[in-house]
Structures are given as structure tokens and as C-alpha cells.
Amino acid sequence: MDTRPSLFQLFVGTVIYKMPYRESRRCLDLIANHGLPITYLELSAHHLAGGRIGSWIEGLIYAQNHGIKMSVTNAAARDLIEVYGSKLTLLNHIQAFERLGVKDLDSAPLDLDKIKEV
């Protein structure tokens, strides 16, 4: 998947959306290096929603490297919940589930307390 943004997209992302250029560049490099199915538009949409793009990408890479099943959309939702909730990074969120033995975050509840109750 070609994740290289056009000059217009870079302009819109950095000037209009106030997306940090270096962080988005770092994320695009990580996306390319790890073969994640994320485009620049999805990256900027996550930023506009209030998500932390670095945390989102690092969480997806961690899940991929540790055999944890988690879709891009699920990771974005979990990152947004952490941003507005407990202020943890997505990586910390994934590791908390991993400590409980959960390897399929697509079917796991978004709240860790729901698993502890069962």
C-alpha cells in the first residue's frame, strides 16, 4: 500500500489540521517498515479525532510483533478511549490485556474491568 502523501496532503495536514510534521513522518516510516495497512488520510483522520498517532502506530506494531489480534479500527478506537479516559498509551493498554492472557483484542471488551469481572 502506498502511504506516501501528496504535497497537497502534507500541506493540508501540517498547516490546516495542525498535524505535527515530524511525528507524522516518523509514523509513515514505521507504517512502511512494518507493512501496516494505514494511509496518510487515516493517520490525519485519527489526529483530527484527537488520537495520538504515535501511540496508535506503536501499539499496532507491538500487537503485530507479539501475535495479538487487533484491527486498525479497533486500535484507533482503543487509543481514543485511552486519550479521553485513563490517559494511558495504547501500548500500555495492550500490555495490560496481554498480562491477563488476552490475545484477541478484536473480540475483547474495550474496558479491562469487564475482563476482570468474568
Protein backbone atom coordinates (compact mmCIF):
# COMPACT_ATOMS: atom_id res chain seq x y z
CA MET A 1 0.00 0.00 0.00
CA ASP A 2 1.37 3.39 -0.96
CA THR A 3 1.33 5.57 2.16
CA ARG A 4 3.30 8.46 0.72
CA PRO A 5 1.19 11.59 0.93
CA SER A 6 0.99 14.10 -1.88
CA LEU A 7 2.34 17.61 -1.38
CA PHE A 8 -1.22 18.87 -1.08
CA GLN A 9 -2.00 16.31 1.63
CA LEU A 10 1.14 17.30 3.53
CA PHE A 11 0.18 20.96 3.26
CA VAL A 12 -3.35 20.32 4.49
CA GLY A 13 -2.14 18.02 7.25
CA THR A 14 0.52 20.32 8.65
CA VAL A 15 -0.94 23.77 8.02
CA ILE A 16 -4.68 23.31 8.26
CA TYR A 17 -5.03 20.24 10.51
CA LYS A 18 -2.04 21.27 12.66
CA MET A 19 -0.65 17.77 12.41
CA PRO A 20 2.94 17.60 13.68
CA TYR A 21 5.08 17.04 10.60
CA ARG A 22 7.94 15.15 12.24
CA GLU A 23 5.60 12.84 14.13
CA SER A 24 3.56 12.11 11.01
CA ARG A 25 6.76 11.49 9.03
CA ARG A 26 8.01 9.11 11.74
CA CYS A 27 4.67 7.29 11.73
CA LEU A 28 4.68 7.00 7.94
CA ASP A 29 8.17 5.47 8.09
CA LEU A 30 7.02 2.98 10.74
CA ILE A 31 3.94 2.13 8.66
CA ALA A 32 6.10 1.45 5.61
CA ASN A 33 8.71 -0.55 7.56
CA HIS A 34 6.14 -2.80 9.25
CA GLY A 35 3.68 -3.12 6.37
CA LEU A 36 0.70 -1.68 8.22
CA PRO A 37 -2.42 -1.04 6.09
CA ILE A 38 -2.76 2.64 7.04
CA THR A 39 -2.82 5.62 4.70
CA TYR A 40 -1.89 9.22 5.38
CA LEU A 41 -5.58 10.13 5.26
CA GLU A 42 -6.35 7.61 8.02
CA LEU A 43 -3.42 8.95 10.02
CA SER A 44 -4.67 12.52 9.71
CA ALA A 45 -8.25 11.47 10.49
CA HIS A 46 -7.06 9.83 13.71
CA HIS A 47 -5.18 13.01 14.60
CA LEU A 48 -8.27 15.13 13.92
CA ALA A 49 -10.36 12.85 16.13
CA GLY A 50 -7.99 13.66 18.98
CA GLY A 51 -5.94 10.49 18.83
CA ARG A 52 -2.22 10.20 19.35
CA ILE A 53 -0.85 8.97 16.04
CA GLY A 54 2.47 7.84 17.50
CA SER A 55 0.77 5.80 20.21
CA TRP A 56 -1.63 4.30 17.68
CA ILE A 57 1.10 3.15 15.31
CA GLU A 58 3.40 1.90 18.09
CA GLY A 59 0.50 -0.07 19.59
CA LEU A 60 -0.28 -1.70 16.25
CA ILE A 61 3.37 -2.63 15.76
CA TYR A 62 3.56 -4.09 19.27
CA ALA A 63 0.41 -6.13 18.67
CA GLN A 64 1.74 -7.34 15.33
CA ASN A 65 5.10 -8.35 16.82
CA HIS A 66 3.55 -10.17 19.79
CA GLY A 67 0.87 -12.08 17.89
CA ILE A 68 -2.04 -10.09 19.29
CA LYS A 69 -5.05 -9.89 17.01
CA MET A 70 -6.20 -6.29 16.69
CA SER A 71 -7.60 -4.47 13.67
CA VAL A 72 -6.57 -0.94 12.72
CA THR A 73 -10.05 0.37 13.52
CA ASN A 74 -10.11 -1.37 16.89
CA ALA A 75 -6.70 0.06 17.75
CA ALA A 76 -7.86 3.55 16.80
CA ALA A 77 -10.95 3.20 18.99
CA ARG A 78 -8.88 1.93 21.92
CA ASP A 79 -6.41 4.80 21.51
CA LEU A 80 -9.22 7.36 21.52
CA ILE A 81 -10.74 5.78 24.63
CA GLU A 82 -7.37 5.97 26.38
CA VAL A 83 -6.86 9.60 25.31
CA TYR A 84 -10.17 10.70 26.79
CA GLY A 85 -10.25 8.19 29.63
CA SER A 86 -7.31 6.93 31.62
CA LYS A 87 -4.57 8.81 29.70
CA LEU A 88 -2.58 5.60 29.15
CA THR A 89 -0.89 4.96 25.85
CA LEU A 90 -2.29 2.31 23.54
CA LEU A 91 0.84 0.26 24.20
CA ASN A 92 0.12 0.23 27.96
CA HIS A 93 -3.49 -0.70 27.22
CA ILE A 94 -2.43 -3.65 25.04
CA GLN A 95 0.14 -4.81 27.59
CA ALA A 96 -2.49 -4.80 30.35
CA PHE A 97 -4.68 -7.13 28.30
CA GLU A 98 -1.66 -9.25 27.40
CA ARG A 99 -0.81 -9.73 31.10
CA LEU A 100 -4.29 -11.21 31.55
CA GLY A 101 -3.67 -13.61 28.67
CA VAL A 102 -5.91 -11.90 26.13
CA LYS A 103 -4.51 -12.29 22.61
CA ASP A 104 -7.60 -11.31 20.61
CA LEU A 105 -8.41 -7.68 21.26
CA ASP A 106 -10.90 -7.56 18.40
CA SER A 107 -13.30 -9.70 20.42
CA ALA A 108 -12.29 -8.40 23.87
CA PRO A 109 -14.24 -5.61 25.55
CA LEU A 110 -12.76 -2.14 25.42
CA ASP A 111 -12.70 -1.91 29.21
CA LEU A 112 -10.22 -4.02 31.13
CA ASP A 113 -12.54 -4.16 34.15
CA LYS A 114 -15.06 -6.19 32.13
CA ILE A 115 -12.48 -8.98 31.81
CA LYS A 116 -11.55 -8.89 35.49
CA GLU A 117 -15.22 -9.39 36.44
CA VAL A 118 -15.51 -12.63 34.45
